[in-house]
Amino acid sequence: MPLFSSEVTSLLTALPNETLFSISSRQHAFWGHSLARKTSLLLYGKAQGGYGIPSTM
């Protein structure tokens, strides 16, 4: 699923010194998804491990 699908209405701006995990978690809560898998697919194109940079390289 592409990053900017029709389901992605808005992306949050990172706070100063915020980690990728933190902004991913806030984005998940903002979108209100019941499953982390859905947020991960929208943000990273994978169902798991999107915020763990080494796992996606």
C-alpha atoms as a PDB file:
ATOM      1  CA  MET A   1       0.000   0.000   0.000  1.00  0.00           C
ATOM      2  CA  PRO A   2       1.518   3.370  -0.945  1.00  0.00           C
ATOM      3  CA  LEU A   3       2.372   5.937   1.704  1.00  0.00           C
ATOM      4  CA  PHE A   4      -0.106   8.486   0.421  1.00  0.00           C
ATOM      5  CA  SER A   5      -3.188   6.366  -0.189  1.00  0.00           C
ATOM      6  CA  SER A   6      -6.685   7.806  -0.043  1.00  0.00           C
ATOM      7  CA  GLU A   7      -6.916   6.581   3.576  1.00  0.00           C
ATOM      8  CA  VAL A   8      -4.076   8.821   4.743  1.00  0.00           C
ATOM      9  CA  THR A   9      -5.748  12.095   5.601  1.00  0.00           C
ATOM     10  CA  SER A  10      -2.981  13.828   7.493  1.00  0.00           C
ATOM     11  CA  LEU A  11       0.512  13.165   8.787  1.00  0.00           C
ATOM     12  CA  LEU A  12       1.590  14.593  12.132  1.00  0.00           C
ATOM     13  CA  THR A  13       4.662  16.780  12.464  1.00  0.00           C
ATOM     14  CA  ALA A  14       7.453  15.382  14.619  1.00  0.00           C
ATOM     15  CA  LEU A  15       8.062  17.057  17.958  1.00  0.00           C
ATOM     16  CA  PRO A  16      11.588  18.237  18.845  1.00  0.00           C
ATOM     17  CA  ASN A  17      13.845  15.238  19.608  1.00  0.00           C
ATOM     18  CA  GLU A  18      10.989  12.781  18.940  1.00  0.00           C
ATOM     19  CA  THR A  19      11.900   9.221  17.988  1.00  0.00           C
ATOM     20  CA  LEU A  20      10.504   7.451  14.951  1.00  0.00           C
ATOM     21  CA  PHE A  21       8.745   4.995  17.277  1.00  0.00           C
ATOM     22  CA  SER A  22       7.096   7.860  19.167  1.00  0.00           C
ATOM     23  CA  ILE A  23       5.753   9.654  16.107  1.00  0.00           C
ATOM     24  CA  SER A  24       4.589   6.335  14.648  1.00  0.00           C
ATOM     25  CA  SER A  25       2.697   5.647  17.885  1.00  0.00           C
ATOM     26  CA  ARG A  26       1.146   9.108  17.912  1.00  0.00           C
ATOM     27  CA  GLN A  27       0.159   8.725  14.257  1.00  0.00           C
ATOM     28  CA  HIS A  28      -1.485   5.372  15.049  1.00  0.00           C
ATOM     29  CA  ALA A  29      -3.526   6.968  17.860  1.00  0.00           C
ATOM     30  CA  PHE A  30      -4.396  10.003  15.707  1.00  0.00           C
ATOM     31  CA  TRP A  31      -5.767   7.821  12.907  1.00  0.00           C
ATOM     32  CA  GLY A  32      -7.636   5.656  15.438  1.00  0.00           C
ATOM     33  CA  HIS A  33      -6.727   2.312  13.908  1.00  0.00           C
ATOM     34  CA  SER A  34      -7.529  -0.706  16.067  1.00  0.00           C
ATOM     35  CA  LEU A  35      -4.572  -2.666  14.655  1.00  0.00           C
ATOM     36  CA  ALA A  36      -0.954  -1.499  14.510  1.00  0.00           C
ATOM     37  CA  ARG A  37      -0.679  -3.534  11.289  1.00  0.00           C
ATOM     38  CA  LYS A  38      -2.882  -1.043   9.421  1.00  0.00           C
ATOM     39  CA  THR A  39      -0.852   1.973  10.535  1.00  0.00           C
ATOM     40  CA  SER A  40       2.401   0.189   9.712  1.00  0.00           C
ATOM     41  CA  LEU A  41       1.156  -0.675   6.226  1.00  0.00           C
ATOM     42  CA  LEU A  42       0.190   2.945   5.560  1.00  0.00           C
ATOM     43  CA  LEU A  43       3.414   4.440   6.917  1.00  0.00           C
ATOM     44  CA  TYR A  44       6.014   1.874   5.847  1.00  0.00           C
ATOM     45  CA  GLY A  45       4.401  -0.471   3.328  1.00  0.00           C
ATOM     46  CA  LYS A  46       4.984  -3.444   5.646  1.00  0.00           C
ATOM     47  CA  ALA A  47       2.745  -5.027   8.268  1.00  0.00           C
ATOM     48  CA  GLN A  48       5.516  -5.241  10.892  1.00  0.00           C
ATOM     49  CA  GLY A  49       8.795  -3.670  11.881  1.00  0.00           C
ATOM     50  CA  GLY A  50       8.433  -0.405  10.026  1.00  0.00           C
ATOM     51  CA  TYR A  51       9.882   1.811  12.733  1.00  0.00           C
ATOM     52  CA  GLY A  52      12.861  -0.517  13.283  1.00  0.00           C
ATOM     53  CA  ILE A  53      15.064   1.040  10.611  1.00  0.00           C
ATOM     54  CA  PRO A  54      17.608  -1.824  10.333  1.00  0.00           C
ATOM     55  CA  SER A  55      14.806  -4.344   9.751  1.00  0.00           C
ATOM     56  CA  THR A  56      13.541  -2.420   6.725  1.00  0.00           C
ATOM     57  CA  MET A  57      16.844  -1.706   4.983  1.00  0.00           C
END
